[in-house]
Amino acid sequence: MSEPILREMRESDLPALFAIQDDPEAQRMAAFTDPRLDREGCLAEHRRHLADERMVRLVVELDEVVFRLD
C-alpha cells in the first residue's frame, strides 16, 4: 500500500485542484464557495500564489492523485 506524500504544489497540479474546487459536493460541504467558479480566474490565482515566495502551498499526493491541503 502506498504512503501519502506531502509536497509543494506544482503548476501541473492546478487542473486537479480546480476540479476539486469545482465539484458540487465539495462546494456544498464548504458552504461558502462560489458555485460559479471561473476556471481561468481560479488557475490564475493559483499561479500568483505559486509565484509568491512568501507563500507555502502544499498538496497531499497518494498513488499519483493530488489532494489540496490548506
PDB file of N, CA and C in Angstrom:
ATOM      1  N   MET A   1       0.842  -1.185   0.000  1.00  0.00           N
ATOM      2  CA  MET A   1       0.000   0.000   0.000  1.00  0.00           C
ATOM      3  C   MET A   1       0.881   1.239   0.000  1.00  0.00           C
ATOM      4  N   SER A   2       0.518   2.197  -0.794  1.00  0.00           N
ATOM      5  CA  SER A   2       1.304   3.426  -0.903  1.00  0.00           C
ATOM      6  C   SER A   2       1.128   4.305   0.323  1.00  0.00           C
ATOM      7  N   GLU A   3       2.113   5.140   0.533  1.00  0.00           N
ATOM      8  CA  GLU A   3       2.071   6.124   1.616  1.00  0.00           C
ATOM      9  C   GLU A   3       1.751   7.487   1.021  1.00  0.00           C
ATOM     10  N   PRO A   4       0.946   8.293   1.705  1.00  0.00           N
ATOM     11  CA  PRO A   4       0.709   9.653   1.214  1.00  0.00           C
ATOM     12  C   PRO A   4       1.982  10.481   1.301  1.00  0.00           C
ATOM     13  N   ILE A   5       2.138  11.399   0.370  1.00  0.00           N
ATOM     14  CA  ILE A   5       3.310  12.277   0.312  1.00  0.00           C
ATOM     15  C   ILE A   5       2.824  13.715   0.456  1.00  0.00           C
ATOM     16  N   LEU A   6       3.443  14.469   1.333  1.00  0.00           N
ATOM     17  CA  LEU A   6       3.193  15.900   1.460  1.00  0.00           C
ATOM     18  C   LEU A   6       4.290  16.600   0.669  1.00  0.00           C
ATOM     19  N   ARG A   7       3.885  17.412  -0.308  1.00  0.00           N
ATOM     20  CA  ARG A   7       4.886  18.069  -1.141  1.00  0.00           C
ATOM     21  C   ARG A   7       4.396  19.445  -1.558  1.00  0.00           C
ATOM     22  N   GLU A   8       5.318  20.240  -2.089  1.00  0.00           N
ATOM     23  CA  GLU A   8       4.955  21.562  -2.588  1.00  0.00           C
ATOM     24  C   GLU A   8       4.103  21.439  -3.847  1.00  0.00           C
ATOM     25  N   MET A   9       3.166  22.366  -3.978  1.00  0.00           N
ATOM     26  CA  MET A   9       2.301  22.405  -5.141  1.00  0.00           C
ATOM     27  C   MET A   9       3.122  22.740  -6.387  1.00  0.00           C
ATOM     28  N   ARG A  10       2.723  22.126  -7.510  1.00  0.00           N
ATOM     29  CA  ARG A  10       3.368  22.396  -8.797  1.00  0.00           C
ATOM     30  C   ARG A  10       2.323  22.896  -9.787  1.00  0.00           C
ATOM     31  N   GLU A  11       2.804  23.552 -10.809  1.00  0.00           N
ATOM     32  CA  GLU A  11       1.922  24.034 -11.880  1.00  0.00           C
ATOM     33  C   GLU A  11       1.080  22.890 -12.441  1.00  0.00           C
ATOM     34  N   SER A  12       1.662  21.717 -12.560  1.00  0.00           N
ATOM     35  CA  SER A  12       0.938  20.574 -13.127  1.00  0.00           C
ATOM     36  C   SER A  12      -0.206  20.091 -12.236  1.00  0.00           C
ATOM     37  N   ASP A  13      -0.251  20.533 -10.980  1.00  0.00           N
ATOM     38  CA  ASP A  13      -1.334  20.163 -10.059  1.00  0.00           C
ATOM     39  C   ASP A  13      -2.593  20.999 -10.268  1.00  0.00           C
ATOM     40  N   LEU A  14      -2.470  22.136 -10.935  1.00  0.00           N
ATOM     41  CA  LEU A  14      -3.567  23.100 -10.984  1.00  0.00           C
ATOM     42  C   LEU A  14      -4.866  22.561 -11.588  1.00  0.00           C
ATOM     43  N   PRO A  15      -4.842  21.800 -12.679  1.00  0.00           N
ATOM     44  CA  PRO A  15      -6.116  21.270 -13.185  1.00  0.00           C
ATOM     45  C   PRO A  15      -6.828  20.365 -12.170  1.00  0.00           C
ATOM     46  N   ALA A  16      -6.081  19.541 -11.465  1.00  0.00           N
ATOM     47  CA  ALA A  16      -6.691  18.673 -10.448  1.00  0.00           C
ATOM     48  C   ALA A  16      -7.255  19.495  -9.300  1.00  0.00           C
ATOM     49  N   LEU A  17      -6.561  20.549  -8.907  1.00  0.00           N
ATOM     50  CA  LEU A  17      -7.041  21.397  -7.819  1.00  0.00           C
ATOM     51  C   LEU A  17      -8.304  22.144  -8.222  1.00  0.00           C
ATOM     52  N   PHE A  18      -8.365  22.585  -9.470  1.00  0.00           N
ATOM     53  CA  PHE A  18      -9.591  23.237  -9.932  1.00  0.00           C
ATOM     54  C   PHE A  18     -10.752  22.243  -9.913  1.00  0.00           C
ATOM     55  N   ALA A  19     -10.511  21.020 -10.345  1.00  0.00           N
ATOM     56  CA  ALA A  19     -11.572  20.007 -10.357  1.00  0.00           C
ATOM     57  C   ALA A  19     -12.113  19.771  -8.949  1.00  0.00           C
ATOM     58  N   ILE A  20     -11.237  19.787  -7.949  1.00  0.00           N
ATOM     59  CA  ILE A  20     -11.676  19.634  -6.559  1.00  0.00           C
ATOM     60  C   ILE A  20     -12.578  20.804  -6.180  1.00  0.00           C
ATOM     61  N   GLN A  21     -12.155  22.011  -6.478  1.00  0.00           N
ATOM     62  CA  GLN A  21     -12.928  23.199  -6.122  1.00  0.00           C
ATOM     63  C   GLN A  21     -14.235  23.294  -6.902  1.00  0.00           C
ATOM     64  N   ASP A  22     -14.281  22.735  -8.087  1.00  0.00           N
ATOM     65  CA  ASP A  22     -15.451  22.829  -8.956  1.00  0.00           C
ATOM     66  C   ASP A  22     -16.470  21.727  -8.679  1.00  0.00           C
ATOM     67  N   ASP A  23     -16.150  20.789  -7.817  1.00  0.00           N
ATOM     68  CA  ASP A  23     -17.040  19.679  -7.505  1.00  0.00           C
ATOM     69  C   ASP A  23     -18.249  20.176  -6.700  1.00  0.00           C
ATOM     70  N   PRO A  24     -19.479  19.938  -7.164  1.00  0.00           N
ATOM     71  CA  PRO A  24     -20.664  20.437  -6.463  1.00  0.00           C
ATOM     72  C   PRO A  24     -20.768  19.957  -5.011  1.00  0.00           C
ATOM     73  N   GLU A  25     -20.415  18.715  -4.753  1.00  0.00           N
ATOM     74  CA  GLU A  25     -20.488  18.207  -3.378  1.00  0.00           C
ATOM     75  C   GLU A  25     -19.468  18.899  -2.483  1.00  0.00           C
ATOM     76  N   ALA A  26     -18.270  19.136  -2.997  1.00  0.00           N
ATOM     77  CA  ALA A  26     -17.253  19.853  -2.213  1.00  0.00           C
ATOM     78  C   ALA A  26     -17.718  21.277  -1.936  1.00  0.00           C
ATOM     79  N   GLN A  27     -18.345  21.905  -2.910  1.00  0.00           N
ATOM     80  CA  GLN A  27     -18.864  23.260  -2.710  1.00  0.00           C
ATOM     81  C   GLN A  27     -19.968  23.271  -1.659  1.00  0.00           C
ATOM     82  N   ARG A  28     -20.832  22.277  -1.685  1.00  0.00           N
ATOM     83  CA  ARG A  28     -21.905  22.195  -0.700  1.00  0.00           C
ATOM     84  C   ARG A  28     -21.329  22.029   0.701  1.00  0.00           C
ATOM     85  N   MET A  29     -20.334  21.167   0.839  1.00  0.00           N
ATOM     86  CA  MET A  29     -19.719  20.934   2.150  1.00  0.00           C
ATOM     87  C   MET A  29     -18.984  22.173   2.648  1.00  0.00           C
ATOM     88  N   ALA A  30     -18.351  22.909   1.750  1.00  0.00           N
ATOM     89  CA  ALA A  30     -17.621  24.114   2.152  1.00  0.00           C
ATOM     90  C   ALA A  30     -18.583  25.225   2.555  1.00  0.00           C
ATOM     91  N   ALA A  31     -19.754  25.247   1.972  1.00  0.00           N
ATOM     92  CA  ALA A  31     -20.846  26.164   2.311  1.00  0.00           C
ATOM     93  C   ALA A  31     -20.552  27.637   2.019  1.00  0.00           C
ATOM     94  N   PHE A  32     -19.350  27.979   1.641  1.00  0.00           N
ATOM     95  CA  PHE A  32     -19.038  29.380   1.368  1.00  0.00           C
ATOM     96  C   PHE A  32     -18.368  29.571   0.016  1.00  0.00           C
ATOM     97  N   THR A  33     -18.252  28.529  -0.747  1.00  0.00           N
ATOM     98  CA  THR A  33     -17.596  28.589  -2.051  1.00  0.00           C
ATOM     99  C   THR A  33     -18.585  29.077  -3.103  1.00  0.00           C
ATOM    100  N   ASP A  34     -18.152  29.990  -3.933  1.00  0.00           N
ATOM    101  CA  ASP A  34     -18.986  30.487  -5.020  1.00  0.00           C
ATOM    102  C   ASP A  34     -19.133  29.383  -6.067  1.00  0.00           C
ATOM    103  N   PRO A  35     -20.360  28.919  -6.330  1.00  0.00           N
ATOM    104  CA  PRO A  35     -20.543  27.814  -7.279  1.00  0.00           C
ATOM    105  C   PRO A  35     -20.262  28.210  -8.731  1.00  0.00           C
ATOM    106  N   ARG A  36     -20.046  29.483  -8.998  1.00  0.00           N
ATOM    107  CA  ARG A  36     -19.794  29.944 -10.369  1.00  0.00           C
ATOM    108  C   ARG A  36     -18.303  30.160 -10.588  1.00  0.00           C
ATOM    109  N   LEU A  37     -17.505  29.179 -10.254  1.00  0.00           N
ATOM    110  CA  LEU A  37     -16.060  29.318 -10.403  1.00  0.00           C
ATOM    111  C   LEU A  37     -15.676  29.538 -11.858  1.00  0.00           C
ATOM    112  N   ASP A  38     -14.748  30.423 -12.053  1.00  0.00           N
ATOM    113  CA  ASP A  38     -14.189  30.700 -13.366  1.00  0.00           C
ATOM    114  C   ASP A  38     -12.858  29.962 -13.447  1.00  0.00           C
ATOM    115  N   ARG A  39     -12.775  28.984 -14.342  1.00  0.00           N
ATOM    116  CA  ARG A  39     -11.571  28.148 -14.437  1.00  0.00           C
ATOM    117  C   ARG A  39     -10.305  28.987 -14.609  1.00  0.00           C
ATOM    118  N   GLU A  40     -10.304  29.888 -15.582  1.00  0.00           N
ATOM    119  CA  GLU A  40      -9.089  30.668 -15.849  1.00  0.00           C
ATOM    120  C   GLU A  40      -8.754  31.592 -14.686  1.00  0.00           C
ATOM    121  N   GLY A  41      -9.764  32.184 -14.065  1.00  0.00           N
ATOM    122  CA  GLY A  41      -9.521  33.041 -12.905  1.00  0.00           C
ATOM    123  C   GLY A  41      -8.960  32.261 -11.731  1.00  0.00           C
ATOM    124  N   CYS A  42      -9.502  31.085 -11.520  1.00  0.00           N
ATOM    125  CA  CYS A  42      -9.033  30.223 -10.431  1.00  0.00           C
ATOM    126  C   CYS A  42      -7.585  29.790 -10.670  1.00  0.00           C
ATOM    127  N   LEU A  43      -7.283  29.365 -11.894  1.00  0.00           N
ATOM    128  CA  LEU A  43      -5.922  28.936 -12.208  1.00  0.00           C
ATOM    129  C   LEU A  43      -4.946  30.106 -12.112  1.00  0.00           C
ATOM    130  N   ALA A  44      -5.382  31.295 -12.528  1.00  0.00           N
ATOM    131  CA  ALA A  44      -4.521  32.480 -12.435  1.00  0.00           C
ATOM    132  C   ALA A  44      -4.201  32.795 -10.979  1.00  0.00           C
ATOM    133  N   GLU A  45      -5.202  32.657 -10.103  1.00  0.00           N
ATOM    134  CA  GLU A  45      -4.956  32.904  -8.677  1.00  0.00           C
ATOM    135  C   GLU A  45      -3.943  31.907  -8.121  1.00  0.00           C
ATOM    136  N   HIS A  46      -4.095  30.628  -8.461  1.00  0.00           N
ATOM    137  CA  HIS A  46      -3.129  29.618  -8.010  1.00  0.00           C
ATOM    138  C   HIS A  46      -1.730  29.931  -8.547  1.00  0.00           C
ATOM    139  N   ARG A  47      -1.643  30.377  -9.788  1.00  0.00           N
ATOM    140  CA  ARG A  47      -0.331  30.714 -10.367  1.00  0.00           C
ATOM    141  C   ARG A  47       0.309  31.887  -9.628  1.00  0.00           C
ATOM    142  N   ARG A  48      -0.491  32.875  -9.259  1.00  0.00           N
ATOM    143  CA  ARG A  48       0.035  34.003  -8.464  1.00  0.00           C
ATOM    144  C   ARG A  48       0.571  33.497  -7.129  1.00  0.00           C
ATOM    145  N   HIS A  49      -0.154  32.594  -6.519  1.00  0.00           N
ATOM    146  CA  HIS A  49       0.296  32.042  -5.241  1.00  0.00           C
ATOM    147  C   HIS A  49       1.588  31.246  -5.410  1.00  0.00           C
ATOM    148  N   LEU A  50       1.671  30.476  -6.489  1.00  0.00           N
ATOM    149  CA  LEU A  50       2.897  29.711  -6.741  1.00  0.00           C
ATOM    150  C   LEU A  50       4.096  30.633  -6.952  1.00  0.00           C
ATOM    151  N   ALA A  51       3.867  31.781  -7.554  1.00  0.00           N
ATOM    152  CA  ALA A  51       4.961  32.718  -7.837  1.00  0.00           C
ATOM    153  C   ALA A  51       5.382  33.513  -6.606  1.00  0.00           C
ATOM    154  N   ASP A  52       4.553  33.543  -5.580  1.00  0.00           N
ATOM    155  CA  ASP A  52       4.835  34.314  -4.365  1.00  0.00           C
ATOM    156  C   ASP A  52       5.701  33.476  -3.428  1.00  0.00           C
ATOM    157  N   GLU A  53       6.963  33.826  -3.314  1.00  0.00           N
ATOM    158  CA  GLU A  53       7.903  33.051  -2.500  1.00  0.00           C
ATOM    159  C   GLU A  53       7.578  33.096  -1.013  1.00  0.00           C
ATOM    160  N   ARG A  54       6.714  34.028  -0.601  1.00  0.00           N
ATOM    161  CA  ARG A  54       6.333  34.115   0.813  1.00  0.00           C
ATOM    162  C   ARG A  54       5.296  33.069   1.189  1.00  0.00           C
ATOM    163  N   MET A  55       4.657  32.480   0.193  1.00  0.00           N
ATOM    164  CA  MET A  55       3.591  31.508   0.447  1.00  0.00           C
ATOM    165  C   MET A  55       4.117  30.088   0.337  1.00  0.00           C
ATOM    166  N   VAL A  56       3.623  29.246   1.206  1.00  0.00           N
ATOM    167  CA  VAL A  56       3.908  27.818   1.138  1.00  0.00           C
ATOM    168  C   VAL A  56       2.606  27.140   0.725  1.00  0.00           C
ATOM    169  N   ARG A  57       2.606  26.530  -0.432  1.00  0.00           N
ATOM    170  CA  ARG A  57       1.420  25.848  -0.956  1.00  0.00           C
ATOM    171  C   ARG A  57       1.736  24.365  -1.007  1.00  0.00           C
ATOM    172  N   LEU A  58       0.970  23.567  -0.274  1.00  0.00           N
ATOM    173  CA  LEU A  58       1.222  22.138  -0.173  1.00  0.00           C
ATOM    174  C   LEU A  58       0.048  21.330  -0.699  1.00  0.00           C
ATOM    175  N   VAL A  59       0.353  20.157  -1.181  1.00  0.00           N
ATOM    176  CA  VAL A  59      -0.666  19.188  -1.574  1.00  0.00           C
ATOM    177  C   VAL A  59      -0.272  17.840  -0.986  1.00  0.00           C
ATOM    178  N   VAL A  60      -1.258  16.987  -0.862  1.00  0.00           N
ATOM    179  CA  VAL A  60      -1.024  15.596  -0.488  1.00  0.00           C
ATOM    180  C   VAL A  60      -1.193  14.784  -1.762  1.00  0.00           C
ATOM    181  N   GLU A  61      -0.253  13.889  -1.990  1.00  0.00           N
ATOM    182  CA  GLU A  61      -0.327  13.017  -3.165  1.00  0.00           C
ATOM    183  C   GLU A  61      -0.355  11.574  -2.685  1.00  0.00           C
ATOM    184  N   LEU A  62      -1.290  10.812  -3.232  1.00  0.00           N
ATOM    185  CA  LEU A  62      -1.392   9.394  -2.909  1.00  0.00           C
ATOM    186  C   LEU A  62      -1.676   8.653  -4.203  1.00  0.00           C
ATOM    187  N   ASP A  63      -0.808   7.740  -4.549  1.00  0.00           N
ATOM    188  CA  ASP A  63      -0.951   6.976  -5.797  1.00  0.00           C
ATOM    189  C   ASP A  63      -1.156   7.899  -7.001  1.00  0.00           C
ATOM    190  N   GLU A  64      -0.365   8.968  -7.061  1.00  0.00           N
ATOM    191  CA  GLU A  64      -0.364   9.937  -8.156  1.00  0.00           C
ATOM    192  C   GLU A  64      -1.654  10.760  -8.245  1.00  0.00           C
ATOM    193  N   VAL A  65      -2.459  10.748  -7.188  1.00  0.00           N
ATOM    194  CA  VAL A  65      -3.662  11.578  -7.102  1.00  0.00           C
ATOM    195  C   VAL A  65      -3.371  12.702  -6.120  1.00  0.00           C
ATOM    196  N   VAL A  66      -3.718  13.930  -6.502  1.00  0.00           N
ATOM    197  CA  VAL A  66      -3.412  15.112  -5.695  1.00  0.00           C
ATOM    198  C   VAL A  66      -4.637  15.536  -4.893  1.00  0.00           C
ATOM    199  N   PHE A  67      -4.383  15.867  -3.623  1.00  0.00           N
ATOM    200  CA  PHE A  67      -5.407  16.391  -2.734  1.00  0.00           C
ATOM    201  C   PHE A  67      -4.912  17.718  -2.196  1.00  0.00           C
ATOM    202  N   ARG A  68      -5.784  18.686  -2.149  1.00  0.00           N
ATOM    203  CA  ARG A  68      -5.403  20.013  -1.665  1.00  0.00           C
ATOM    204  C   ARG A  68      -5.309  20.010  -0.143  1.00  0.00           C
ATOM    205  N   LEU A  69      -4.321  20.733   0.347  1.00  0.00           N
ATOM    206  CA  LEU A  69      -4.123  20.856   1.788  1.00  0.00           C
ATOM    207  C   LEU A  69      -3.997  22.326   2.115  1.00  0.00           C
ATOM    208  N   ASP A  70      -5.013  22.883   2.727  1.00  0.00           N
ATOM    209  CA  ASP A  70      -4.929  24.277   3.185  1.00  0.00           C
ATOM    210  C   ASP A  70      -5.941  24.556   4.265  1.00  0.00           C
TER     211      ASP A  70
END
